[in-house]
Amino acid sequence: MRIGVLAKAAGVSVATIRYYESIGLLASPARQGGQRIYGVEDVKALNLIRHCRDLDFSIDATRDIVASVQRRLPCSDTKSFAERHLGSIRKKIAELRALETTIASLVTGCETTCCGSAAPDCVILQPGCGGA
């Protein structure tokens, strides 16, 4: 199948396929008459890549996962990728919760101390206020 058909089958753009090829996530296909020719395995690979990206795995982690699938490594390898990723997600969530607390405090500070004053005087914009 040609690249446009592959893109449609996998639900991605042609540009995405070319990008994945350029960074080594997707193997460059054979060419026939100067055009890339793809097979069913390429649809499967793109679906796996898209799934990994939907789960917010990094490009590097996605590359490792794709390689582990291609080499038919044990599921425990995939679990290890997921456990590391879960740890980073939990860290991000904690950081976002702290940021939420800081911004909520700044909004409250603005409401109580500077509403109506000029924007440059707003406590939200003052370095060091509210932990920002």
Protein backbone atom coordinates (compact mmCIF):
# COMPACT_ATOMS: atom_id res chain seq x y z
CA MET A 1 0.00 0.00 0.00
CA ARG A 2 1.10 3.56 -0.61
CA ILE A 3 1.76 6.12 2.10
CA GLY A 4 -1.65 7.82 1.80
CA VAL A 5 -3.46 4.52 2.23
CA LEU A 6 -1.25 3.66 5.20
CA ALA A 7 -1.94 7.06 6.77
CA LYS A 8 -5.67 6.55 6.45
CA ALA A 9 -5.53 2.97 7.74
CA ALA A 10 -3.50 4.00 10.80
CA GLY A 11 -5.30 7.28 11.46
CA VAL A 12 -2.21 9.47 11.14
CA SER A 13 -1.00 12.02 8.61
CA VAL A 14 1.47 11.37 5.83
CA ALA A 15 3.77 13.91 7.48
CA THR A 16 3.63 11.91 10.72
CA ILE A 17 4.66 8.74 8.90
CA ARG A 18 7.57 10.53 7.26
CA TYR A 19 8.60 12.00 10.61
CA TYR A 20 8.48 8.59 12.31
CA GLU A 21 10.64 7.19 9.51
CA SER A 22 13.12 10.07 9.81
CA ILE A 23 13.64 9.46 13.55
CA GLY A 24 13.77 5.68 13.24
CA LEU A 25 10.45 4.83 14.89
CA LEU A 26 9.15 3.30 11.69
CA ALA A 27 11.38 1.39 9.30
CA SER A 28 11.81 2.91 5.86
CA PRO A 29 9.87 0.74 3.43
CA ALA A 30 10.90 -0.73 0.15
CA ARG A 31 10.26 1.44 -2.87
CA GLN A 32 8.60 0.57 -6.10
CA GLY A 33 8.73 3.02 -8.94
CA GLY A 34 10.09 5.64 -6.54
CA GLN A 35 7.15 5.30 -4.14
CA ARG A 36 7.16 3.87 -0.66
CA ILE A 37 5.29 0.58 -0.41
CA TYR A 38 3.94 -0.45 3.00
CA GLY A 39 2.37 -3.60 4.37
CA VAL A 40 0.07 -4.71 7.16
CA GLU A 41 2.99 -4.82 9.60
CA ASP A 42 3.48 -1.09 9.07
CA VAL A 43 -0.16 -0.45 10.04
CA LYS A 44 0.40 -2.49 13.20
CA ALA A 45 3.62 -0.61 13.98
CA LEU A 46 1.93 2.76 13.49
CA ASN A 47 -0.99 1.71 15.70
CA LEU A 48 1.48 0.72 18.41
CA ILE A 49 3.40 3.99 18.05
CA ARG A 50 0.18 6.00 18.17
CA HIS A 51 -0.97 4.08 21.25
CA CYS A 52 2.32 4.74 23.02
CA ARG A 53 2.14 8.42 22.14
CA ASP A 54 -1.51 8.57 23.31
CA LEU A 55 -0.23 7.24 26.64
CA ASP A 56 2.33 10.08 26.60
CA PHE A 57 5.37 7.84 26.35
CA SER A 58 8.36 9.82 25.11
CA ILE A 59 9.73 9.22 21.62
CA ASP A 60 12.69 7.37 23.15
CA ALA A 61 10.47 5.16 25.32
CA THR A 62 8.21 4.52 22.32
CA ARG A 63 11.25 3.49 20.29
CA ASP A 64 12.26 1.07 23.06
CA ILE A 65 8.75 -0.36 23.29
CA VAL A 66 8.50 -0.83 19.52
CA ALA A 67 11.88 -2.58 19.55
CA SER A 68 10.80 -4.85 22.41
CA VAL A 69 7.68 -5.84 20.48
CA GLN A 70 9.67 -6.49 17.31
CA ARG A 71 12.16 -8.64 19.26
CA ARG A 72 9.25 -10.38 21.03
CA LEU A 73 10.70 -9.60 24.47
CA PRO A 74 8.73 -10.62 27.57
CA CYS A 75 5.79 -8.58 28.80
CA SER A 76 7.81 -7.76 31.91
CA ASP A 77 9.93 -5.42 29.78
CA THR A 78 6.84 -3.49 28.74
CA LYS A 79 5.70 -3.44 32.35
CA SER A 80 9.04 -1.90 33.33
CA PHE A 81 8.56 0.86 30.75
CA ALA A 82 5.07 1.50 32.10
CA GLU A 83 6.21 1.54 35.73
CA ARG A 84 8.91 4.12 34.98
CA HIS A 85 6.40 6.19 33.03
CA LEU A 86 3.86 5.96 35.85
CA GLY A 87 6.48 7.27 38.26
CA SER A 88 7.14 10.29 36.06
CA ILE A 89 3.39 10.91 35.67
CA ARG A 90 2.94 10.83 39.44
CA LYS A 91 5.81 13.30 39.83
CA LYS A 92 4.22 15.63 37.26
CA ILE A 93 0.87 15.39 39.06
CA ALA A 94 2.53 16.36 42.36
CA GLU A 95 4.25 19.30 40.64
CA LEU A 96 0.97 20.40 39.07
CA ARG A 97 -0.82 20.21 42.43
CA ALA A 98 1.86 22.43 43.97
CA LEU A 99 1.52 24.84 41.06
CA GLU A 100 -2.25 24.86 41.49
CA THR A 101 -1.86 25.76 45.16
CA THR A 102 0.57 28.56 44.31
CA ILE A 103 -1.64 30.05 41.61
CA ALA A 104 -4.77 29.78 43.75
CA SER A 105 -2.93 31.63 46.52
CA LEU A 106 -1.85 34.34 44.08
CA VAL A 107 -5.41 34.74 42.77
CA THR A 108 -6.67 35.08 46.33
CA GLY A 109 -3.90 37.58 47.07
CA CYS A 110 -4.89 39.61 44.04
CA GLU A 111 -8.53 39.62 45.11
CA THR A 112 -7.68 40.82 48.62
CA THR A 113 -4.80 43.22 48.02
CA CYS A 114 -4.71 44.68 44.56
CA CYS A 115 -7.95 44.34 42.65
CA GLY A 116 -8.37 47.41 40.56
CA SER A 117 -4.74 48.52 40.66
CA ALA A 118 -2.49 48.66 37.62
CA ALA A 119 -1.38 45.29 36.22
CA PRO A 120 2.34 45.87 36.95
CA ASP A 121 1.44 46.20 40.65
CA CYS A 122 -0.55 42.95 40.78
CA VAL A 123 0.77 40.44 43.31
CA ILE A 124 0.45 37.71 40.69
CA LEU A 125 3.23 39.35 38.70
CA GLN A 126 5.59 39.98 41.61
CA PRO A 127 8.55 37.59 41.70
CA GLY A 128 8.72 35.66 44.93
CA CYS A 129 5.07 36.17 45.85
CA GLY A 130 3.14 33.02 46.68
CA GLY A 131 6.11 30.80 45.95
CA ALA A 132 6.13 31.72 42.26
